Amino acid sequence: MANPSITNATAVGKEVIRRSYVDGAGETESTILTGVANHIMTIVSIVICDRSGQADNFFTLYVDYDLGGTDLYLVSTQEVGAYNTFVWSDRFALTETDKLHMNGYSTAGTAQYDVWCTYIDQQFAAP
């Protein structure tokens, strides 16, 4: 079991596959997943599907890390296309103070996406 803290490394924990989603993420910041203390969340995949049908839809995917108010961009102004789907399948981890966000954009101001995130939640528990 991975140990995200300075707690005794011989402790036990659990590992569960989970999902989070946003139904109708638009042109404001949408939070996809928020880190939890003593957990490591390994992102397995993120599926982003355009619902607006506009040809000029884009999105940005980023992490607000360590409550510092600083965004680390994973994908910037990614074009999706009308009713198309974008799949992120590179692995990365979130920990206790991280937040995974996205913003949609379009010239018409009507970008709308469904977002599905699958992740492995590793919980560290002290003995």
Protein backbone atom coordinates (compact mmCIF):
# COMPACT_ATOMS: atom_id res chain seq x y z
CA MET A 1 0.00 0.00 0.00
CA ALA A 2 1.31 3.42 -0.93
CA ASN A 3 1.93 5.78 1.94
CA PRO A 4 1.04 9.44 1.25
CA SER A 5 2.10 10.68 4.68
CA ILE A 6 4.73 10.25 7.39
CA THR A 7 2.53 7.76 9.26
CA ASN A 8 3.95 4.31 10.04
CA ALA A 9 4.63 2.57 6.71
CA THR A 10 3.68 -0.87 8.06
CA ALA A 11 0.05 0.12 8.47
CA VAL A 12 -2.75 -1.41 6.39
CA GLY A 13 -5.18 0.26 4.05
CA LYS A 14 -7.56 -0.45 1.20
CA GLU A 15 -7.66 0.05 -2.54
CA VAL A 16 -10.92 0.57 -4.43
CA ILE A 17 -11.74 1.57 -8.00
CA ARG A 18 -14.14 4.52 -8.07
CA ARG A 19 -15.63 7.03 -10.46
CA SER A 20 -16.67 10.65 -10.44
CA TYR A 21 -18.58 12.58 -13.07
CA VAL A 22 -19.89 15.97 -14.08
CA ASP A 23 -23.16 16.08 -15.99
CA GLY A 24 -23.21 19.14 -18.22
CA ALA A 25 -19.92 20.89 -17.38
CA GLY A 26 -20.01 24.29 -19.04
CA GLU A 27 -17.96 27.44 -19.43
CA THR A 28 -17.20 27.89 -15.75
CA GLU A 29 -14.80 25.89 -13.59
CA SER A 30 -16.11 22.40 -12.88
CA THR A 31 -14.48 20.25 -10.23
CA ILE A 32 -14.08 16.66 -11.39
CA LEU A 33 -12.31 15.23 -8.33
CA THR A 34 -11.06 16.52 -4.97
CA GLY A 35 -8.23 14.89 -3.03
CA VAL A 36 -8.78 13.48 0.46
CA ALA A 37 -6.33 13.32 3.39
CA ASN A 38 -4.45 10.00 3.64
CA HIS A 39 -5.56 8.93 0.16
CA ILE A 40 -3.78 8.64 -3.17
CA MET A 41 -6.13 8.79 -6.15
CA THR A 42 -4.59 7.40 -9.32
CA ILE A 43 -6.50 8.60 -12.36
CA VAL A 44 -7.07 5.73 -14.82
CA SER A 45 -9.08 7.59 -17.47
CA ILE A 46 -11.11 10.71 -18.13
CA VAL A 47 -13.76 10.70 -20.87
CA ILE A 48 -15.04 14.10 -22.03
CA CYS A 49 -17.98 14.17 -24.45
CA ASP A 50 -19.32 17.28 -26.18
CA ARG A 51 -23.08 17.78 -25.76
CA SER A 52 -23.56 21.19 -27.37
CA GLY A 53 -23.00 20.28 -31.01
CA GLN A 54 -20.94 23.43 -31.64
CA ALA A 55 -18.03 22.96 -34.03
CA ASP A 56 -15.62 25.21 -32.12
CA ASN A 57 -15.67 23.70 -28.62
CA PHE A 58 -12.51 23.53 -26.54
CA PHE A 59 -11.71 22.61 -22.96
CA THR A 60 -8.87 22.97 -20.48
CA LEU A 61 -8.03 20.32 -17.86
CA TYR A 62 -5.91 21.32 -14.86
CA VAL A 63 -5.00 20.55 -11.24
CA ASP A 64 -5.14 23.09 -8.43
CA TYR A 65 -2.40 21.57 -6.30
CA ASP A 66 -1.52 21.91 -2.61
CA LEU A 67 -4.14 24.61 -1.95
CA GLY A 68 -1.69 27.13 -3.35
CA GLY A 69 -4.18 28.61 -5.79
CA THR A 70 -1.79 27.75 -8.62
CA ASP A 71 -3.13 25.74 -11.53
CA LEU A 72 -0.99 23.13 -13.26
CA TYR A 73 -2.37 22.57 -16.77
CA LEU A 74 -2.62 19.02 -18.11
CA VAL A 75 -4.47 19.92 -21.33
CA SER A 76 -4.88 23.46 -22.64
CA THR A 77 -7.54 24.50 -25.19
CA GLN A 78 -8.12 20.98 -26.49
CA GLU A 79 -10.52 20.93 -29.43
CA VAL A 80 -13.30 18.36 -29.20
CA GLY A 81 -15.63 18.95 -32.15
CA ALA A 82 -19.41 18.67 -32.34
CA TYR A 83 -20.68 15.64 -30.42
CA ASN A 84 -17.17 14.14 -30.32
CA THR A 85 -15.34 12.52 -27.42
CA PHE A 86 -11.87 13.06 -25.95
CA VAL A 87 -10.27 10.30 -23.84
CA TRP A 88 -7.37 10.94 -21.44
CA SER A 89 -5.69 7.63 -20.54
CA ASP A 90 -2.35 8.76 -19.08
CA ARG A 91 -2.00 7.97 -15.38
CA PHE A 92 -1.39 10.64 -12.73
CA ALA A 93 -2.10 10.97 -9.03
CA LEU A 94 -3.99 13.38 -6.80
CA THR A 95 -3.39 13.65 -3.06
CA GLU A 96 -5.06 15.33 -0.14
CA THR A 97 -5.11 19.00 -1.18
CA ASP A 98 -5.31 18.56 -4.98
CA LYS A 99 -8.38 19.35 -7.07
CA LEU A 100 -8.92 18.29 -10.69
CA HIS A 101 -10.86 20.88 -12.71
CA MET A 102 -11.97 21.64 -16.25
CA ASN A 103 -13.34 24.65 -18.12
CA GLY A 104 -15.16 24.57 -21.44
CA TYR A 105 -14.99 27.27 -24.14
CA SER A 106 -16.75 28.11 -27.39
CA THR A 107 -17.28 31.28 -29.41
CA ALA A 108 -21.04 30.89 -28.97
CA GLY A 109 -20.65 30.63 -25.18
CA THR A 110 -22.59 27.36 -25.12
CA ALA A 111 -19.90 24.69 -24.55
CA GLN A 112 -21.29 21.76 -22.57
CA TYR A 113 -19.61 18.47 -21.72
CA ASP A 114 -20.25 15.25 -19.87
CA VAL A 115 -17.17 14.13 -17.95
CA TRP A 116 -16.50 10.64 -16.58
CA CYS A 117 -13.40 10.00 -14.45
CA THR A 118 -12.31 6.52 -13.31
CA TYR A 119 -9.68 6.30 -10.58
CA ILE A 120 -8.08 3.97 -8.03
CA ASP A 121 -8.52 5.22 -4.47
CA GLN A 122 -5.76 4.00 -2.16
CA GLN A 123 -6.52 4.71 1.48
CA PHE A 124 -3.75 4.56 4.04
CA ALA A 125 -4.84 3.59 7.54
CA ALA A 126 -2.67 3.70 10.67
CA PRO A 127 -2.32 0.40 12.62
